[in-house]
Amino acid sequence: MRIELAKAGWHNYSLFLGEDGTLIGYLECDDFALARAAMAKTTVNAQWQAVIGSMFVDLAGQRPDDLMQPLEELFHLP
């Protein structure tokens, strides 16, 4: 998974889970749409989606990664 993520342009990828079930993912990439599309083509991603999908409620027939949405950055202090 890590190798495929790197080849697809994903860097510094982290997932955070709140006690209430809120899941936030963080990653760095040059182009989010391209990085997501490249990862969607991999076998390891299909396997990951099959496993992780059971942990989500009400996917309405979608895979978890289909529901990923970028959040607007409000503040950054390098």
C-alpha atoms as a PDB file:
ATOM      1  CA  MET A   1       0.000   0.000   0.000  1.00  0.00           C
ATOM      2  CA  ARG A   2       2.722   2.466   0.951  1.00  0.00           C
ATOM      3  CA  ILE A   3       4.625   1.874  -2.300  1.00  0.00           C
ATOM      4  CA  GLU A   4       1.494   2.307  -4.416  1.00  0.00           C
ATOM      5  CA  LEU A   5       0.505   5.482  -2.549  1.00  0.00           C
ATOM      6  CA  ALA A   6       3.953   6.968  -3.176  1.00  0.00           C
ATOM      7  CA  LYS A   7       3.869   5.995  -6.871  1.00  0.00           C
ATOM      8  CA  ALA A   8       0.435   7.650  -7.142  1.00  0.00           C
ATOM      9  CA  GLY A   9       1.818  10.888  -5.676  1.00  0.00           C
ATOM     10  CA  TRP A  10       0.506  10.625  -2.107  1.00  0.00           C
ATOM     11  CA  HIS A  11       2.927  11.867   0.564  1.00  0.00           C
ATOM     12  CA  ASN A  12       2.646  12.319   4.335  1.00  0.00           C
ATOM     13  CA  TYR A  13      -0.629  10.394   4.425  1.00  0.00           C
ATOM     14  CA  SER A  14      -2.304  10.091   7.834  1.00  0.00           C
ATOM     15  CA  LEU A  15      -5.733   9.125   9.138  1.00  0.00           C
ATOM     16  CA  PHE A  16      -7.196  10.484  12.376  1.00  0.00           C
ATOM     17  CA  LEU A  17     -10.249   9.005  14.110  1.00  0.00           C
ATOM     18  CA  GLY A  18     -12.239  10.870  16.735  1.00  0.00           C
ATOM     19  CA  GLU A  19     -14.094   9.168  19.565  1.00  0.00           C
ATOM     20  CA  ASP A  20     -17.367  10.131  17.842  1.00  0.00           C
ATOM     21  CA  GLY A  21     -16.346   8.270  14.672  1.00  0.00           C
ATOM     22  CA  THR A  22     -15.236  11.336  12.704  1.00  0.00           C
ATOM     23  CA  LEU A  23     -12.507  10.293  10.281  1.00  0.00           C
ATOM     24  CA  ILE A  24     -10.083  12.883   8.895  1.00  0.00           C
ATOM     25  CA  GLY A  25      -7.396  12.011   6.391  1.00  0.00           C
ATOM     26  CA  TYR A  26      -4.398  14.165   5.597  1.00  0.00           C
ATOM     27  CA  LEU A  27      -2.097  13.887   2.622  1.00  0.00           C
ATOM     28  CA  GLU A  28       0.177  16.027   0.532  1.00  0.00           C
ATOM     29  CA  CYS A  29       0.224  15.775  -3.264  1.00  0.00           C
ATOM     30  CA  ASP A  30       0.702  17.961  -6.325  1.00  0.00           C
ATOM     31  CA  ASP A  31      -2.771  17.274  -7.751  1.00  0.00           C
ATOM     32  CA  PHE A  32      -5.426  15.652  -5.561  1.00  0.00           C
ATOM     33  CA  ALA A  33      -7.648  14.511  -8.442  1.00  0.00           C
ATOM     34  CA  LEU A  34      -4.733  12.893 -10.297  1.00  0.00           C
ATOM     35  CA  ALA A  35      -3.337  11.269  -7.158  1.00  0.00           C
ATOM     36  CA  ARG A  36      -6.748   9.848  -6.302  1.00  0.00           C
ATOM     37  CA  ALA A  37      -7.329   8.582  -9.840  1.00  0.00           C
ATOM     38  CA  ALA A  38      -3.894   6.918  -9.948  1.00  0.00           C
ATOM     39  CA  MET A  39      -4.538   5.145  -6.670  1.00  0.00           C
ATOM     40  CA  ALA A  40      -8.013   4.025  -7.773  1.00  0.00           C
ATOM     41  CA  LYS A  41      -6.390   2.006 -10.578  1.00  0.00           C
ATOM     42  CA  THR A  42      -4.352  -0.176  -8.214  1.00  0.00           C
ATOM     43  CA  THR A  43      -5.205  -3.653  -7.001  1.00  0.00           C
ATOM     44  CA  VAL A  44      -4.123  -2.839  -3.456  1.00  0.00           C
ATOM     45  CA  ASN A  45      -6.622   0.034  -3.332  1.00  0.00           C
ATOM     46  CA  ALA A  46      -9.476  -2.268  -4.348  1.00  0.00           C
ATOM     47  CA  GLN A  47      -8.452  -4.653  -1.564  1.00  0.00           C
ATOM     48  CA  TRP A  48      -8.230  -1.799   0.950  1.00  0.00           C
ATOM     49  CA  GLN A  49     -11.662  -0.447  -0.031  1.00  0.00           C
ATOM     50  CA  ALA A  50     -13.215  -3.903   0.390  1.00  0.00           C
ATOM     51  CA  VAL A  51     -11.834  -4.180   3.930  1.00  0.00           C
ATOM     52  CA  ILE A  52     -12.363  -0.593   5.078  1.00  0.00           C
ATOM     53  CA  GLY A  53     -15.844  -0.310   3.557  1.00  0.00           C
ATOM     54  CA  SER A  54     -17.337  -2.467   6.281  1.00  0.00           C
ATOM     55  CA  MET A  55     -16.277   0.152   8.830  1.00  0.00           C
ATOM     56  CA  PHE A  56     -18.417   2.896   7.274  1.00  0.00           C
ATOM     57  CA  VAL A  57     -22.140   3.478   7.730  1.00  0.00           C
ATOM     58  CA  ASP A  58     -24.455   4.425   4.882  1.00  0.00           C
ATOM     59  CA  LEU A  59     -22.100   4.420   1.896  1.00  0.00           C
ATOM     60  CA  ALA A  60     -25.103   4.302  -0.462  1.00  0.00           C
ATOM     61  CA  GLY A  61     -23.318   1.854  -2.751  1.00  0.00           C
ATOM     62  CA  GLN A  62     -20.126   3.910  -2.956  1.00  0.00           C
ATOM     63  CA  ARG A  63     -16.604   3.011  -1.889  1.00  0.00           C
ATOM     64  CA  PRO A  64     -15.100   4.985   1.011  1.00  0.00           C
ATOM     65  CA  ASP A  65     -12.580   6.726  -1.261  1.00  0.00           C
ATOM     66  CA  ASP A  66     -15.402   7.927  -3.540  1.00  0.00           C
ATOM     67  CA  LEU A  67     -16.594  10.072  -0.637  1.00  0.00           C
ATOM     68  CA  MET A  68     -13.266  11.801   0.023  1.00  0.00           C
ATOM     69  CA  GLN A  69     -13.546  15.579  -0.134  1.00  0.00           C
ATOM     70  CA  PRO A  70     -10.760  18.118   0.297  1.00  0.00           C
ATOM     71  CA  LEU A  71     -11.212  20.485   3.219  1.00  0.00           C
ATOM     72  CA  GLU A  72     -10.442  24.160   2.832  1.00  0.00           C
ATOM     73  CA  GLU A  73      -7.280  25.148   4.672  1.00  0.00           C
ATOM     74  CA  LEU A  74      -7.997  28.042   7.015  1.00  0.00           C
ATOM     75  CA  PHE A  75      -4.606  28.447   8.609  1.00  0.00           C
ATOM     76  CA  HIS A  76      -1.079  27.164   8.059  1.00  0.00           C
ATOM     77  CA  LEU A  77       1.998  28.052  10.055  1.00  0.00           C
ATOM     78  CA  PRO A  78       5.140  26.587   8.479  1.00  0.00           C
END
